[in-house]
Amino acid sequence: MFGDSAYGKQSEKRAARQLGIYDGILDKGTKKPKLSHKQKKLNQKKSGIFCKVEYPFGYMKEKLGYRVAGAKNLMRNSLRFDMNGIIYNMMRADVLLR
């Protein structure tokens, strides 16, 4: 489970750990309780994975215009998302094979 610090409620992080799910949500620092050196290092490690996962979604949003799942039903939204994923993979394969 990965996400930036906006998703990092302590109760959610604790529940994920109890279920055996890896907690990849970044820690958030504030004015008074600043992040410790250990937390900063962990955030760097987690964000390295997080950014690679976020890239395809950014591509779909910017290049393919998939900003909102605005179809009338879940099946159409799912199909549109799957097709955008296929298009992204084809574009990525083209770049990697050159």
PDB file of N, CA and C in Angstrom:
ATOM      1  N   MET A   1       0.848  -1.153   0.000  1.00  0.00           N
ATOM      2  CA  MET A   1       0.000   0.000   0.000  1.00  0.00           C
ATOM      3  C   MET A   1       0.902   1.227   0.000  1.00  0.00           C
ATOM      4  N   PHE A   2       0.882   1.967  -1.107  1.00  0.00           N
ATOM      5  CA  PHE A   2       1.720   3.151  -1.238  1.00  0.00           C
ATOM      6  C   PHE A   2       0.849   4.381  -1.415  1.00  0.00           C
ATOM      7  N   GLY A   3       1.355   5.510  -0.973  1.00  0.00           N
ATOM      8  CA  GLY A   3       0.650   6.773  -1.123  1.00  0.00           C
ATOM      9  C   GLY A   3       1.492   7.892  -0.563  1.00  0.00           C
ATOM     10  N   ASP A   4       1.132   9.131  -0.907  1.00  0.00           N
ATOM     11  CA  ASP A   4       1.888  10.233  -0.342  1.00  0.00           C
ATOM     12  C   ASP A   4       1.366  10.544   1.058  1.00  0.00           C
ATOM     13  N   SER A   5       1.932  11.558   1.672  1.00  0.00           N
ATOM     14  CA  SER A   5       1.646  11.808   3.084  1.00  0.00           C
ATOM     15  C   SER A   5       0.214  12.244   3.345  1.00  0.00           C
ATOM     16  N   ALA A   6      -0.520  12.661   2.333  1.00  0.00           N
ATOM     17  CA  ALA A   6      -1.917  13.064   2.535  1.00  0.00           C
ATOM     18  C   ALA A   6      -2.786  11.867   2.920  1.00  0.00           C
ATOM     19  N   TYR A   7      -2.357  10.664   2.565  1.00  0.00           N
ATOM     20  CA  TYR A   7      -3.135   9.464   2.862  1.00  0.00           C
ATOM     21  C   TYR A   7      -2.704   8.780   4.155  1.00  0.00           C
ATOM     22  N   GLY A   8      -1.780   9.361   4.863  1.00  0.00           N
ATOM     23  CA  GLY A   8      -1.128   8.666   5.966  1.00  0.00           C
ATOM     24  C   GLY A   8      -1.742   8.832   7.338  1.00  0.00           C
ATOM     25  N   LYS A   9      -2.999   8.542   7.510  1.00  0.00           N
ATOM     26  CA  LYS A   9      -3.583   8.578   8.846  1.00  0.00           C
ATOM     27  C   LYS A   9      -3.034   7.411   9.659  1.00  0.00           C
ATOM     28  N   GLN A  10      -2.697   7.687  10.907  1.00  0.00           N
ATOM     29  CA  GLN A  10      -2.077   6.666  11.753  1.00  0.00           C
ATOM     30  C   GLN A  10      -2.957   5.436  11.930  1.00  0.00           C
ATOM     31  N   SER A  11      -4.262   5.640  12.028  1.00  0.00           N
ATOM     32  CA  SER A  11      -5.162   4.500  12.220  1.00  0.00           C
ATOM     33  C   SER A  11      -5.151   3.581  10.994  1.00  0.00           C
ATOM     34  N   GLU A  12      -5.090   4.183   9.790  1.00  0.00           N
ATOM     35  CA  GLU A  12      -5.046   3.385   8.562  1.00  0.00           C
ATOM     36  C   GLU A  12      -3.725   2.637   8.445  1.00  0.00           C
ATOM     37  N   LYS A  13      -2.650   3.298   8.810  1.00  0.00           N
ATOM     38  CA  LYS A  13      -1.337   2.664   8.742  1.00  0.00           C
ATOM     39  C   LYS A  13      -1.259   1.487   9.717  1.00  0.00           C
ATOM     40  N   ARG A  14      -1.792   1.676  10.925  1.00  0.00           N
ATOM     41  CA  ARG A  14      -1.792   0.619  11.927  1.00  0.00           C
ATOM     42  C   ARG A  14      -2.629  -0.568  11.465  1.00  0.00           C
ATOM     43  N   ALA A  15      -3.811  -0.280  10.891  1.00  0.00           N
ATOM     44  CA  ALA A  15      -4.693  -1.348  10.419  1.00  0.00           C
ATOM     45  C   ALA A  15      -4.026  -2.140   9.293  1.00  0.00           C
ATOM     46  N   ALA A  16      -3.319  -1.459   8.407  1.00  0.00           N
ATOM     47  CA  ALA A  16      -2.627  -2.148   7.314  1.00  0.00           C
ATOM     48  C   ALA A  16      -1.553  -3.083   7.854  1.00  0.00           C
ATOM     49  N   ARG A  17      -0.793  -2.603   8.831  1.00  0.00           N
ATOM     50  CA  ARG A  17       0.252  -3.435   9.421  1.00  0.00           C
ATOM     51  C   ARG A  17      -0.327  -4.679  10.090  1.00  0.00           C
ATOM     52  N   GLN A  18      -1.465  -4.517  10.767  1.00  0.00           N
ATOM     53  CA  GLN A  18      -2.090  -5.656  11.441  1.00  0.00           C
ATOM     54  C   GLN A  18      -2.582  -6.690  10.444  1.00  0.00           C
ATOM     55  N   LEU A  19      -2.975  -6.259   9.254  1.00  0.00           N
ATOM     56  CA  LEU A  19      -3.423  -7.192   8.214  1.00  0.00           C
ATOM     57  C   LEU A  19      -2.268  -7.791   7.421  1.00  0.00           C
ATOM     58  N   GLY A  20      -1.052  -7.362   7.724  1.00  0.00           N
ATOM     59  CA  GLY A  20       0.115  -7.895   7.027  1.00  0.00           C
ATOM     60  C   GLY A  20       0.394  -7.202   5.708  1.00  0.00           C
ATOM     61  N   ILE A  21      -0.187  -6.014   5.504  1.00  0.00           N
ATOM     62  CA  ILE A  21       0.022  -5.242   4.274  1.00  0.00           C
ATOM     63  C   ILE A  21       1.186  -4.298   4.510  1.00  0.00           C
ATOM     64  N   TYR A  22       2.097  -4.230   3.536  1.00  0.00           N
ATOM     65  CA  TYR A  22       3.255  -3.341   3.665  1.00  0.00           C
ATOM     66  C   TYR A  22       2.786  -1.893   3.671  1.00  0.00           C
ATOM     67  N   ASP A  23       3.285  -1.123   4.607  1.00  0.00           N
ATOM     68  CA  ASP A  23       2.915   0.273   4.749  1.00  0.00           C
ATOM     69  C   ASP A  23       3.905   1.132   3.978  1.00  0.00           C
ATOM     70  N   GLY A  24       3.524   1.545   2.782  1.00  0.00           N
ATOM     71  CA  GLY A  24       4.384   2.381   1.961  1.00  0.00           C
ATOM     72  C   GLY A  24       3.938   3.825   1.936  1.00  0.00           C
ATOM     73  N   ILE A  25       3.052   4.211   2.849  1.00  0.00           N
ATOM     74  CA  ILE A  25       2.571   5.584   2.893  1.00  0.00           C
ATOM     75  C   ILE A  25       3.647   6.449   3.541  1.00  0.00           C
ATOM     76  N   LEU A  26       3.957   7.562   2.905  1.00  0.00           N
ATOM     77  CA  LEU A  26       5.003   8.440   3.401  1.00  0.00           C
ATOM     78  C   LEU A  26       4.587   9.095   4.710  1.00  0.00           C
ATOM     79  N   ASP A  27       5.568   9.312   5.591  1.00  0.00           N
ATOM     80  CA  ASP A  27       5.313  10.005   6.850  1.00  0.00           C
ATOM     81  C   ASP A  27       5.260  11.510   6.592  1.00  0.00           C
ATOM     82  N   LYS A  28       4.446  12.195   7.369  1.00  0.00           N
ATOM     83  CA  LYS A  28       4.260  13.622   7.182  1.00  0.00           C
ATOM     84  C   LYS A  28       4.846  14.371   8.365  1.00  0.00           C
ATOM     85  N   GLY A  29       5.651  15.379   8.084  1.00  0.00           N
ATOM     86  CA  GLY A  29       6.214  16.201   9.141  1.00  0.00           C
ATOM     87  C   GLY A  29       5.412  17.492   9.282  1.00  0.00           C
ATOM     88  N   THR A  30       5.405  18.042  10.476  1.00  0.00           N
ATOM     89  CA  THR A  30       4.749  19.324  10.731  1.00  0.00           C
ATOM     90  C   THR A  30       5.758  20.251  11.407  1.00  0.00           C
ATOM     91  N   LYS A  31       5.299  21.424  11.821  1.00  0.00           N
ATOM     92  CA  LYS A  31       6.226  22.378  12.444  1.00  0.00           C
ATOM     93  C   LYS A  31       6.848  21.836  13.722  1.00  0.00           C
ATOM     94  N   LYS A  32       6.017  21.384  14.626  1.00  0.00           N
ATOM     95  CA  LYS A  32       6.541  20.925  15.925  1.00  0.00           C
ATOM     96  C   LYS A  32       7.161  19.530  15.842  1.00  0.00           C
ATOM     97  N   PRO A  33       6.386  18.479  15.560  1.00  0.00           N
ATOM     98  CA  PRO A  33       7.074  17.178  15.457  1.00  0.00           C
ATOM     99  C   PRO A  33       7.640  16.989  14.046  1.00  0.00           C
ATOM    100  N   LYS A  34       8.856  17.489  13.827  1.00  0.00           N
ATOM    101  CA  LYS A  34       9.498  17.334  12.515  1.00  0.00           C
ATOM    102  C   LYS A  34       9.876  15.867  12.300  1.00  0.00           C
ATOM    103  N   LEU A  35      10.100  15.516  11.042  1.00  0.00           N
ATOM    104  CA  LEU A  35      10.490  14.141  10.734  1.00  0.00           C
ATOM    105  C   LEU A  35      11.897  13.866  11.250  1.00  0.00           C
ATOM    106  N   SER A  36      12.077  12.690  11.800  1.00  0.00           N
ATOM    107  CA  SER A  36      13.400  12.284  12.253  1.00  0.00           C
ATOM    108  C   SER A  36      14.246  11.881  11.046  1.00  0.00           C
ATOM    109  N   HIS A  37      15.535  11.712  11.274  1.00  0.00           N
ATOM    110  CA  HIS A  37      16.442  11.299  10.204  1.00  0.00           C
ATOM    111  C   HIS A  37      16.006   9.944   9.630  1.00  0.00           C
ATOM    112  N   LYS A  38      15.597   9.039  10.515  1.00  0.00           N
ATOM    113  CA  LYS A  38      15.146   7.712  10.091  1.00  0.00           C
ATOM    114  C   LYS A  38      13.894   7.806   9.218  1.00  0.00           C
ATOM    115  N   GLN A  39      12.947   8.659   9.609  1.00  0.00           N
ATOM    116  CA  GLN A  39      11.721   8.830   8.824  1.00  0.00           C
ATOM    117  C   GLN A  39      12.021   9.427   7.455  1.00  0.00           C
ATOM    118  N   LYS A  40      12.959  10.377   7.388  1.00  0.00           N
ATOM    119  CA  LYS A  40      13.338  10.970   6.103  1.00  0.00           C
ATOM    120  C   LYS A  40      13.945   9.917   5.172  1.00  0.00           C
ATOM    121  N   LYS A  41      14.803   9.079   5.715  1.00  0.00           N
ATOM    122  CA  LYS A  41      15.423   8.008   4.907  1.00  0.00           C
ATOM    123  C   LYS A  41      14.366   7.027   4.402  1.00  0.00           C
ATOM    124  N   LEU A  42      13.422   6.648   5.287  1.00  0.00           N
ATOM    125  CA  LEU A  42      12.346   5.743   4.873  1.00  0.00           C
ATOM    126  C   LEU A  42      11.467   6.379   3.804  1.00  0.00           C
ATOM    127  N   ASN A  43      11.190   7.676   3.934  1.00  0.00           N
ATOM    128  CA  ASN A  43      10.391   8.375   2.926  1.00  0.00           C
ATOM    129  C   ASN A  43      11.086   8.364   1.567  1.00  0.00           C
ATOM    130  N   GLN A  44      12.407   8.546   1.571  1.00  0.00           N
ATOM    131  CA  GLN A  44      13.158   8.508   0.311  1.00  0.00           C
ATOM    132  C   GLN A  44      13.055   7.136  -0.334  1.00  0.00           C
ATOM    133  N   LYS A  45      13.169   6.111   0.487  1.00  0.00           N
ATOM    134  CA  LYS A  45      13.096   4.742  -0.010  1.00  0.00           C
ATOM    135  C   LYS A  45      11.702   4.440  -0.581  1.00  0.00           C
ATOM    136  N   LYS A  46      10.665   4.830   0.159  1.00  0.00           N
ATOM    137  CA  LYS A  46       9.295   4.583  -0.269  1.00  0.00           C
ATOM    138  C   LYS A  46       8.937   5.404  -1.512  1.00  0.00           C
ATOM    139  N   SER A  47       9.397   6.649  -1.577  1.00  0.00           N
ATOM    140  CA  SER A  47       9.032   7.496  -2.708  1.00  0.00           C
ATOM    141  C   SER A  47       9.681   7.025  -4.003  1.00  0.00           C
ATOM    142  N   GLY A  48      10.799   6.307  -3.908  1.00  0.00           N
ATOM    143  CA  GLY A  48      11.419   5.738  -5.102  1.00  0.00           C
ATOM    144  C   GLY A  48      10.521   4.731  -5.777  1.00  0.00           C
ATOM    145  N   ILE A  49       9.788   3.977  -4.992  1.00  0.00           N
ATOM    146  CA  ILE A  49       8.833   3.006  -5.531  1.00  0.00           C
ATOM    147  C   ILE A  49       7.545   3.707  -5.927  1.00  0.00           C
ATOM    148  N   PHE A  50       7.094   4.603  -5.082  1.00  0.00           N
ATOM    149  CA  PHE A  50       5.832   5.311  -5.284  1.00  0.00           C
ATOM    150  C   PHE A  50       5.827   6.076  -6.609  1.00  0.00           C
ATOM    151  N   CYS A  51       6.931   6.755  -6.938  1.00  0.00           N
ATOM    152  CA  CYS A  51       6.956   7.563  -8.153  1.00  0.00           C
ATOM    153  C   CYS A  51       6.901   6.688  -9.406  1.00  0.00           C
ATOM    154  N   LYS A  52       7.475   5.494  -9.352  1.00  0.00           N
ATOM    155  CA  LYS A  52       7.423   4.598 -10.518  1.00  0.00           C
ATOM    156  C   LYS A  52       6.016   4.078 -10.755  1.00  0.00           C
ATOM    157  N   VAL A  53       5.261   3.913  -9.687  1.00  0.00           N
ATOM    158  CA  VAL A  53       3.892   3.431  -9.793  1.00  0.00           C
ATOM    159  C   VAL A  53       2.966   4.552 -10.266  1.00  0.00           C
ATOM    160  N   GLU A  54       3.252   5.782  -9.875  1.00  0.00           N
ATOM    161  CA  GLU A  54       2.402   6.920 -10.226  1.00  0.00           C
ATOM    162  C   GLU A  54       2.569   7.361 -11.679  1.00  0.00           C
ATOM    163  N   TYR A  55       3.694   7.061 -12.305  1.00  0.00           N
ATOM    164  CA  TYR A  55       3.975   7.546 -13.654  1.00  0.00           C
ATOM    165  C   TYR A  55       2.908   7.135 -14.678  1.00  0.00           C
ATOM    166  N   PRO A  56       2.505   5.856 -14.747  1.00  0.00           N
ATOM    167  CA  PRO A  56       1.471   5.489 -15.729  1.00  0.00           C
ATOM    168  C   PRO A  56       0.151   6.226 -15.526  1.00  0.00           C
ATOM    169  N   PHE A  57      -0.215   6.484 -14.268  1.00  0.00           N
ATOM    170  CA  PHE A  57      -1.457   7.204 -14.010  1.00  0.00           C
ATOM    171  C   PHE A  57      -1.353   8.652 -14.466  1.00  0.00           C
ATOM    172  N   GLY A  58      -0.188   9.258 -14.285  1.00  0.00           N
ATOM    173  CA  GLY A  58       0.038  10.612 -14.782  1.00  0.00           C
ATOM    174  C   GLY A  58      -0.034  10.667 -16.291  1.00  0.00           C
ATOM    175  N   TYR A  59       0.513   9.640 -16.962  1.00  0.00           N
ATOM    176  CA  TYR A  59       0.464   9.572 -18.413  1.00  0.00           C
ATOM    177  C   TYR A  59      -0.984   9.464 -18.895  1.00  0.00           C
ATOM    178  N   MET A  60      -1.756   8.602 -18.242  1.00  0.00           N
ATOM    179  CA  MET A  60      -3.165   8.449 -18.626  1.00  0.00           C
ATOM    180  C   MET A  60      -3.925   9.752 -18.429  1.00  0.00           C
ATOM    181  N   LYS A  61      -3.605  10.445 -17.370  1.00  0.00           N
ATOM    182  CA  LYS A  61      -4.308  11.681 -17.056  1.00  0.00           C
ATOM    183  C   LYS A  61      -3.954  12.794 -18.041  1.00  0.00           C
ATOM    184  N   GLU A  62      -2.675  12.976 -18.304  1.00  0.00           N
ATOM    185  CA  GLU A  62      -2.233  14.084 -19.142  1.00  0.00           C
ATOM    186  C   GLU A  62      -2.345  13.798 -20.636  1.00  0.00           C
ATOM    187  N   LYS A  63      -1.832  12.684 -21.081  1.00  0.00           N
ATOM    188  CA  LYS A  63      -1.757  12.407 -22.519  1.00  0.00           C
ATOM    189  C   LYS A  63      -3.029  11.787 -23.079  1.00  0.00           C
ATOM    190  N   LEU A  64      -3.691  10.941 -22.293  1.00  0.00           N
ATOM    191  CA  LEU A  64      -4.872  10.237 -22.791  1.00  0.00           C
ATOM    192  C   LEU A  64      -6.179  10.884 -22.339  1.00  0.00           C
ATOM    193  N   GLY A  65      -6.100  11.926 -21.533  1.00  0.00           N
ATOM    194  CA  GLY A  65      -7.281  12.667 -21.126  1.00  0.00           C
ATOM    195  C   GLY A  65      -8.198  11.928 -20.176  1.00  0.00           C
ATOM    196  N   TYR A  66      -7.660  10.987 -19.418  1.00  0.00           N
ATOM    197  CA  TYR A  66      -8.481  10.206 -18.483  1.00  0.00           C
ATOM    198  C   TYR A  66      -8.422  10.852 -17.107  1.00  0.00           C
ATOM    199  N   ARG A  67      -9.062  12.001 -16.969  1.00  0.00           N
ATOM    200  CA  ARG A  67      -9.039  12.733 -15.700  1.00  0.00           C
ATOM    201  C   ARG A  67     -10.139  12.263 -14.761  1.00  0.00           C
ATOM    202  N   VAL A  68     -11.299  11.939 -15.307  1.00  0.00           N
ATOM    203  CA  VAL A  68     -12.446  11.545 -14.493  1.00  0.00           C
ATOM    204  C   VAL A  68     -13.060  10.295 -15.108  1.00  0.00           C
ATOM    205  N   ALA A  69     -13.421   9.341 -14.264  1.00  0.00           N
ATOM    206  CA  ALA A  69     -14.126   8.152 -14.730  1.00  0.00           C
ATOM    207  C   ALA A  69     -15.593   8.546 -14.877  1.00  0.00           C
ATOM    208  N   GLY A  70     -15.937   9.121 -16.025  1.00  0.00           N
ATOM    209  CA  GLY A  70     -17.254   9.728 -16.190  1.00  0.00           C
ATOM    210  C   GLY A  70     -18.249   8.913 -16.977  1.00  0.00           C
ATOM    211  N   ALA A  71     -18.005   7.630 -17.152  1.00  0.00           N
ATOM    212  CA  ALA A  71     -18.957   6.801 -17.883  1.00  0.00           C
ATOM    213  C   ALA A  71     -20.189   6.536 -17.020  1.00  0.00           C
ATOM    214  N   LYS A  72     -21.234   6.031 -17.666  1.00  0.00           N
ATOM    215  CA  LYS A  72     -22.503   5.851 -16.961  1.00  0.00           C
ATOM    216  C   LYS A  72     -22.523   4.669 -16.007  1.00  0.00           C
ATOM    217  N   ASN A  73     -21.639   3.704 -16.218  1.00  0.00           N
ATOM    218  CA  ASN A  73     -21.649   2.558 -15.310  1.00  0.00           C
ATOM    219  C   ASN A  73     -20.223   2.050 -15.070  1.00  0.00           C
ATOM    220  N   LEU A  74     -20.099   1.167 -14.110  1.00  0.00           N
ATOM    221  CA  LEU A  74     -18.799   0.663 -13.694  1.00  0.00           C
ATOM    222  C   LEU A  74     -18.114  -0.140 -14.805  1.00  0.00           C
ATOM    223  N   MET A  75     -18.877  -0.870 -15.580  1.00  0.00           N
ATOM    224  CA  MET A  75     -18.304  -1.679 -16.657  1.00  0.00           C
ATOM    225  C   MET A  75     -17.611  -0.800 -17.701  1.00  0.00           C
ATOM    226  N   ARG A  76     -18.253   0.296 -18.075  1.00  0.00           N
ATOM    227  CA  ARG A  76     -17.642   1.205 -19.059  1.00  0.00           C
ATOM    228  C   ARG A  76     -16.399   1.877 -18.500  1.00  0.00           C
ATOM    229  N   ASN A  77     -16.459   2.287 -17.236  1.00  0.00           N
ATOM    230  CA  ASN A  77     -15.283   2.892 -16.612  1.00  0.00           C
ATOM    231  C   ASN A  77     -14.129   1.902 -16.564  1.00  0.00           C
ATOM    232  N   SER A  78     -14.431   0.670 -16.215  1.00  0.00           N
ATOM    233  CA  SER A  78     -13.412  -0.373 -16.137  1.00  0.00           C
ATOM    234  C   SER A  78     -12.796  -0.636 -17.510  1.00  0.00           C
ATOM    235  N   LEU A  79     -13.639  -0.703 -18.521  1.00  0.00           N
ATOM    236  CA  LEU A  79     -13.150  -0.939 -19.887  1.00  0.00           C
ATOM    237  C   LEU A  79     -12.263   0.207 -20.350  1.00  0.00           C
ATOM    238  N   ARG A  80     -12.698   1.435 -20.080  1.00  0.00           N
ATOM    239  CA  ARG A  80     -11.912   2.593 -20.501  1.00  0.00           C
ATOM    240  C   ARG A  80     -10.556   2.609 -19.788  1.00  0.00           C
ATOM    241  N   PHE A  81     -10.547   2.306 -18.498  1.00  0.00           N
ATOM    242  CA  PHE A  81      -9.291   2.265 -17.754  1.00  0.00           C
ATOM    243  C   PHE A  81      -8.375   1.174 -18.296  1.00  0.00           C
ATOM    244  N   ASP A  82      -8.942  -0.010 -18.562  1.00  0.00           N
ATOM    245  CA  ASP A  82      -8.146  -1.119 -19.103  1.00  0.00           C
ATOM    246  C   ASP A  82      -7.568  -0.765 -20.470  1.00  0.00           C
ATOM    247  N   MET A  83      -8.365  -0.133 -21.307  1.00  0.00           N
ATOM    248  CA  MET A  83      -7.876   0.252 -22.634  1.00  0.00           C
ATOM    249  C   MET A  83      -6.766   1.294 -22.525  1.00  0.00           C
ATOM    250  N   ASN A  84      -6.911   2.235 -21.608  1.00  0.00           N
ATOM    251  CA  ASN A  84      -5.848   3.216 -21.399  1.00  0.00           C
ATOM    252  C   ASN A  84      -4.575   2.537 -20.901  1.00  0.00           C
ATOM    253  N   GLY A  85      -4.723   1.515 -20.068  1.00  0.00           N
ATOM    254  CA  GLY A  85      -3.566   0.756 -19.610  1.00  0.00           C
ATOM    255  C   GLY A  85      -2.875   0.028 -20.758  1.00  0.00           C
ATOM    256  N   ILE A  86      -3.665  -0.539 -21.663  1.00  0.00           N
ATOM    257  CA  ILE A  86      -3.108  -1.221 -22.840  1.00  0.00           C
ATOM    258  C   ILE A  86      -2.379  -0.224 -23.733  1.00  0.00           C
ATOM    259  N   ILE A  87      -2.979   0.944 -23.947  1.00  0.00           N
ATOM    260  CA  ILE A  87      -2.338   1.974 -24.773  1.00  0.00           C
ATOM    261  C   ILE A  87      -1.027   2.413 -24.140  1.00  0.00           C
ATOM    262  N   TYR A  88      -1.029   2.622 -22.827  1.00  0.00           N
ATOM    263  CA  TYR A  88       0.205   3.021 -22.142  1.00  0.00           C
ATOM    264  C   TYR A  88       1.283   1.955 -22.323  1.00  0.00           C
ATOM    265  N   ASN A  89       0.915   0.692 -22.158  1.00  0.00           N
ATOM    266  CA  ASN A  89       1.895  -0.391 -22.299  1.00  0.00           C
ATOM    267  C   ASN A  89       2.431  -0.477 -23.719  1.00  0.00           C
ATOM    268  N   MET A  90       1.583  -0.248 -24.707  1.00  0.00           N
ATOM    269  CA  MET A  90       2.048  -0.274 -26.100  1.00  0.00           C
ATOM    270  C   MET A  90       3.001   0.888 -26.381  1.00  0.00           C
ATOM    271  N   MET A  91       2.675   2.072 -25.875  1.00  0.00           N
ATOM    272  CA  MET A  91       3.549   3.224 -26.066  1.00  0.00           C
ATOM    273  C   MET A  91       4.885   3.007 -25.349  1.00  0.00           C
ATOM    274  N   ARG A  92       4.822   2.441 -24.163  1.00  0.00           N
ATOM    275  CA  ARG A  92       6.042   2.178 -23.396  1.00  0.00           C
ATOM    276  C   ARG A  92       6.896   1.116 -24.085  1.00  0.00           C
ATOM    277  N   ALA A  93       6.265   0.073 -24.603  1.00  0.00           N
ATOM    278  CA  ALA A  93       7.004  -0.973 -25.315  1.00  0.00           C
ATOM    279  C   ALA A  93       7.685  -0.415 -26.552  1.00  0.00           C
ATOM    280  N   ASP A  94       7.006   0.488 -27.254  1.00  0.00           N
ATOM    281  CA  ASP A  94       7.591   1.115 -28.441  1.00  0.00           C
ATOM    282  C   ASP A  94       8.857   1.872 -28.063  1.00  0.00           C
ATOM    283  N   VAL A  95       8.822   2.598 -26.977  1.00  0.00           N
ATOM    284  CA  VAL A  95       9.981   3.363 -26.526  1.00  0.00           C
ATOM    285  C   VAL A  95      11.118   2.415 -26.108  1.00  0.00           C
ATOM    286  N   LEU A  96      10.775   1.341 -25.381  1.00  0.00           N
ATOM    287  CA  LEU A  96      11.808   0.427 -24.906  1.00  0.00           C
ATOM    288  C   LEU A  96      12.441  -0.397 -26.013  1.00  0.00           C
ATOM    289  N   LEU A  97      11.692  -0.673 -27.075  1.00  0.00           N
ATOM    290  CA  LEU A  97      12.221  -1.504 -28.159  1.00  0.00           C
ATOM    291  C   LEU A  97      13.044  -0.715 -29.183  1.00  0.00           C
ATOM    292  N   ARG A  98      13.031   0.584 -29.089  1.00  0.00           N
ATOM    293  CA  ARG A  98      13.822   1.395 -30.041  1.00  0.00           C
ATOM    294  C   ARG A  98      15.287   1.375 -29.720  1.00  0.00           C
TER     295      ARG A  98
END
